[in-house]
Amino acid sequence: MLLNLDGGDCEVDTGIGFFDHMLTAFSVHGGFGLKLTCRGDLNVDCHHTIEDVGIALGKAFSEALGDKGGIMRYGSFLYRWTRPWGFAPQISAA
């Protein structure tokens, strides 16, 4: 995986089409570059692959952001889909 917070191309191949689509949308609309390839035990199910990508992506963001200096929240959105409430904070570099 290569993560570029300054932008760049997005190339994602996990072997799970819809997950690839969602990660690509996350990268494009988030304004960061992402090159990610993985191979998991898809013959069993896709759970482990998705979980491992999430862990690796979270660690990559954590390392790339360092002490998180210069990042501030600039908005949030509270919504109700059916029964549960969702909260989506938005962050931006200062």
C-alpha atoms as a PDB file:
ATOM      1  CA  MET A   1       0.000   0.000   0.000  1.00  0.00           C
ATOM      2  CA  LEU A   2       1.108   3.530  -0.806  1.00  0.00           C
ATOM      3  CA  LEU A   3      -0.784   6.439   0.748  1.00  0.00           C
ATOM      4  CA  ASN A   4      -0.170  10.011  -0.378  1.00  0.00           C
ATOM      5  CA  LEU A   5      -2.050  12.638   1.626  1.00  0.00           C
ATOM      6  CA  ASP A   6      -1.106  15.281  -0.954  1.00  0.00           C
ATOM      7  CA  GLY A   7      -3.149  13.577  -3.662  1.00  0.00           C
ATOM      8  CA  GLY A   8      -2.276  11.408  -6.595  1.00  0.00           C
ATOM      9  CA  ASP A   9      -3.562   8.431  -8.490  1.00  0.00           C
ATOM     10  CA  CYS A  10      -5.807   5.761  -7.084  1.00  0.00           C
ATOM     11  CA  GLU A  11      -5.267   2.109  -7.975  1.00  0.00           C
ATOM     12  CA  VAL A  12      -7.055  -0.427  -5.795  1.00  0.00           C
ATOM     13  CA  ASP A  13      -7.208  -4.203  -6.294  1.00  0.00           C
ATOM     14  CA  THR A  14      -8.433  -6.329  -3.403  1.00  0.00           C
ATOM     15  CA  GLY A  15     -10.286  -8.898  -5.483  1.00  0.00           C
ATOM     16  CA  ILE A  16     -13.593  -7.604  -4.052  1.00  0.00           C
ATOM     17  CA  GLY A  17     -15.229  -5.399  -6.669  1.00  0.00           C
ATOM     18  CA  PHE A  18     -17.571  -3.341  -4.499  1.00  0.00           C
ATOM     19  CA  PHE A  19     -14.894  -2.839  -1.828  1.00  0.00           C
ATOM     20  CA  ASP A  20     -12.491  -1.630  -4.541  1.00  0.00           C
ATOM     21  CA  HIS A  21     -15.172   0.816  -5.684  1.00  0.00           C
ATOM     22  CA  MET A  22     -15.720   2.160  -2.151  1.00  0.00           C
ATOM     23  CA  LEU A  23     -11.975   2.563  -1.484  1.00  0.00           C
ATOM     24  CA  THR A  24     -11.579   4.344  -4.820  1.00  0.00           C
ATOM     25  CA  ALA A  25     -14.448   6.708  -3.971  1.00  0.00           C
ATOM     26  CA  PHE A  26     -12.898   7.308  -0.528  1.00  0.00           C
ATOM     27  CA  SER A  27      -9.558   8.210  -2.136  1.00  0.00           C
ATOM     28  CA  VAL A  28     -10.950  10.364  -4.945  1.00  0.00           C
ATOM     29  CA  HIS A  29     -13.387  12.334  -2.796  1.00  0.00           C
ATOM     30  CA  GLY A  30     -10.939  12.455   0.120  1.00  0.00           C
ATOM     31  CA  GLY A  31      -8.291  14.008  -2.125  1.00  0.00           C
ATOM     32  CA  PHE A  32      -5.533  11.520  -1.305  1.00  0.00           C
ATOM     33  CA  GLY A  33      -3.583   9.112  -3.471  1.00  0.00           C
ATOM     34  CA  LEU A  34      -3.904   5.402  -2.786  1.00  0.00           C
ATOM     35  CA  LYS A  35      -2.238   2.425  -4.398  1.00  0.00           C
ATOM     36  CA  LEU A  36      -3.367  -0.780  -2.748  1.00  0.00           C
ATOM     37  CA  THR A  37      -3.124  -4.411  -3.754  1.00  0.00           C
ATOM     38  CA  CYS A  38      -3.876  -7.394  -1.572  1.00  0.00           C
ATOM     39  CA  ARG A  39      -4.739 -11.043  -1.854  1.00  0.00           C
ATOM     40  CA  GLY A  40      -6.784 -12.675   0.857  1.00  0.00           C
ATOM     41  CA  ASP A  41      -8.606 -15.924   1.511  1.00  0.00           C
ATOM     42  CA  LEU A  42     -11.534 -14.991  -0.691  1.00  0.00           C
ATOM     43  CA  ASN A  43     -12.337 -18.668  -1.201  1.00  0.00           C
ATOM     44  CA  VAL A  44     -13.478 -18.641   2.455  1.00  0.00           C
ATOM     45  CA  ASP A  45     -15.104 -15.188   2.548  1.00  0.00           C
ATOM     46  CA  CYS A  46     -14.179 -11.529   2.135  1.00  0.00           C
ATOM     47  CA  HIS A  47     -14.333 -10.614   5.837  1.00  0.00           C
ATOM     48  CA  HIS A  48     -10.628 -11.117   6.598  1.00  0.00           C
ATOM     49  CA  THR A  49      -9.471  -9.219   3.524  1.00  0.00           C
ATOM     50  CA  ILE A  50     -11.688  -6.225   4.310  1.00  0.00           C
ATOM     51  CA  GLU A  51     -10.663  -6.303   7.973  1.00  0.00           C
ATOM     52  CA  ASP A  52      -6.937  -6.469   7.174  1.00  0.00           C
ATOM     53  CA  VAL A  53      -7.170  -3.651   4.612  1.00  0.00           C
ATOM     54  CA  GLY A  54      -8.989  -1.513   7.196  1.00  0.00           C
ATOM     55  CA  ILE A  55      -6.304  -2.162   9.806  1.00  0.00           C
ATOM     56  CA  ALA A  56      -3.476  -1.420   7.357  1.00  0.00           C
ATOM     57  CA  LEU A  57      -5.178   1.722   6.032  1.00  0.00           C
ATOM     58  CA  GLY A  58      -5.804   2.992   9.564  1.00  0.00           C
ATOM     59  CA  LYS A  59      -2.148   2.454  10.488  1.00  0.00           C
ATOM     60  CA  ALA A  60      -1.020   4.174   7.281  1.00  0.00           C
ATOM     61  CA  PHE A  61      -3.169   7.232   8.029  1.00  0.00           C
ATOM     62  CA  SER A  62      -1.947   7.295  11.624  1.00  0.00           C
ATOM     63  CA  GLU A  63       1.707   7.218  10.531  1.00  0.00           C
ATOM     64  CA  ALA A  64       1.164   9.763   7.747  1.00  0.00           C
ATOM     65  CA  LEU A  65      -0.611  12.220  10.055  1.00  0.00           C
ATOM     66  CA  GLY A  66       2.011  11.952  12.808  1.00  0.00           C
ATOM     67  CA  ASP A  67       1.099  14.244  15.704  1.00  0.00           C
ATOM     68  CA  LYS A  68      -1.930  15.426  13.703  1.00  0.00           C
ATOM     69  CA  GLY A  69      -0.707  19.019  13.826  1.00  0.00           C
ATOM     70  CA  GLY A  70      -2.578  21.373  11.524  1.00  0.00           C
ATOM     71  CA  ILE A  71      -5.718  19.266  11.397  1.00  0.00           C
ATOM     72  CA  MET A  72      -8.966  20.755  12.581  1.00  0.00           C
ATOM     73  CA  ARG A  73     -12.593  19.749  12.383  1.00  0.00           C
ATOM     74  CA  TYR A  74     -14.612  22.069  10.209  1.00  0.00           C
ATOM     75  CA  GLY A  75     -17.987  20.442  10.121  1.00  0.00           C
ATOM     76  CA  SER A  76     -20.132  17.481  10.932  1.00  0.00           C
ATOM     77  CA  PHE A  77     -23.299  15.852   9.786  1.00  0.00           C
ATOM     78  CA  LEU A  78     -25.880  14.013  11.872  1.00  0.00           C
ATOM     79  CA  TYR A  79     -28.333  11.808  10.029  1.00  0.00           C
ATOM     80  CA  ARG A  80     -30.864   9.087  10.605  1.00  0.00           C
ATOM     81  CA  TRP A  81     -31.154   6.351   8.004  1.00  0.00           C
ATOM     82  CA  THR A  82     -33.790   4.107   9.537  1.00  0.00           C
ATOM     83  CA  ARG A  83     -33.456   3.538  13.259  1.00  0.00           C
ATOM     84  CA  PRO A  84     -29.801   4.124  14.133  1.00  0.00           C
ATOM     85  CA  TRP A  85     -28.319   7.599  14.122  1.00  0.00           C
ATOM     86  CA  GLY A  86     -25.068   8.243  12.266  1.00  0.00           C
ATOM     87  CA  PHE A  87     -22.500  10.946  12.881  1.00  0.00           C
ATOM     88  CA  ALA A  88     -19.894  11.924  10.291  1.00  0.00           C
ATOM     89  CA  PRO A  89     -17.281  14.452  11.443  1.00  0.00           C
ATOM     90  CA  GLN A  90     -15.260  16.146   8.718  1.00  0.00           C
ATOM     91  CA  ILE A  91     -11.642  17.167   9.165  1.00  0.00           C
ATOM     92  CA  SER A  92      -9.381  19.423   7.182  1.00  0.00           C
ATOM     93  CA  ALA A  93      -5.753  20.470   7.284  1.00  0.00           C
ATOM     94  CA  ALA A  94      -5.326  24.068   8.364  1.00  0.00           C
END
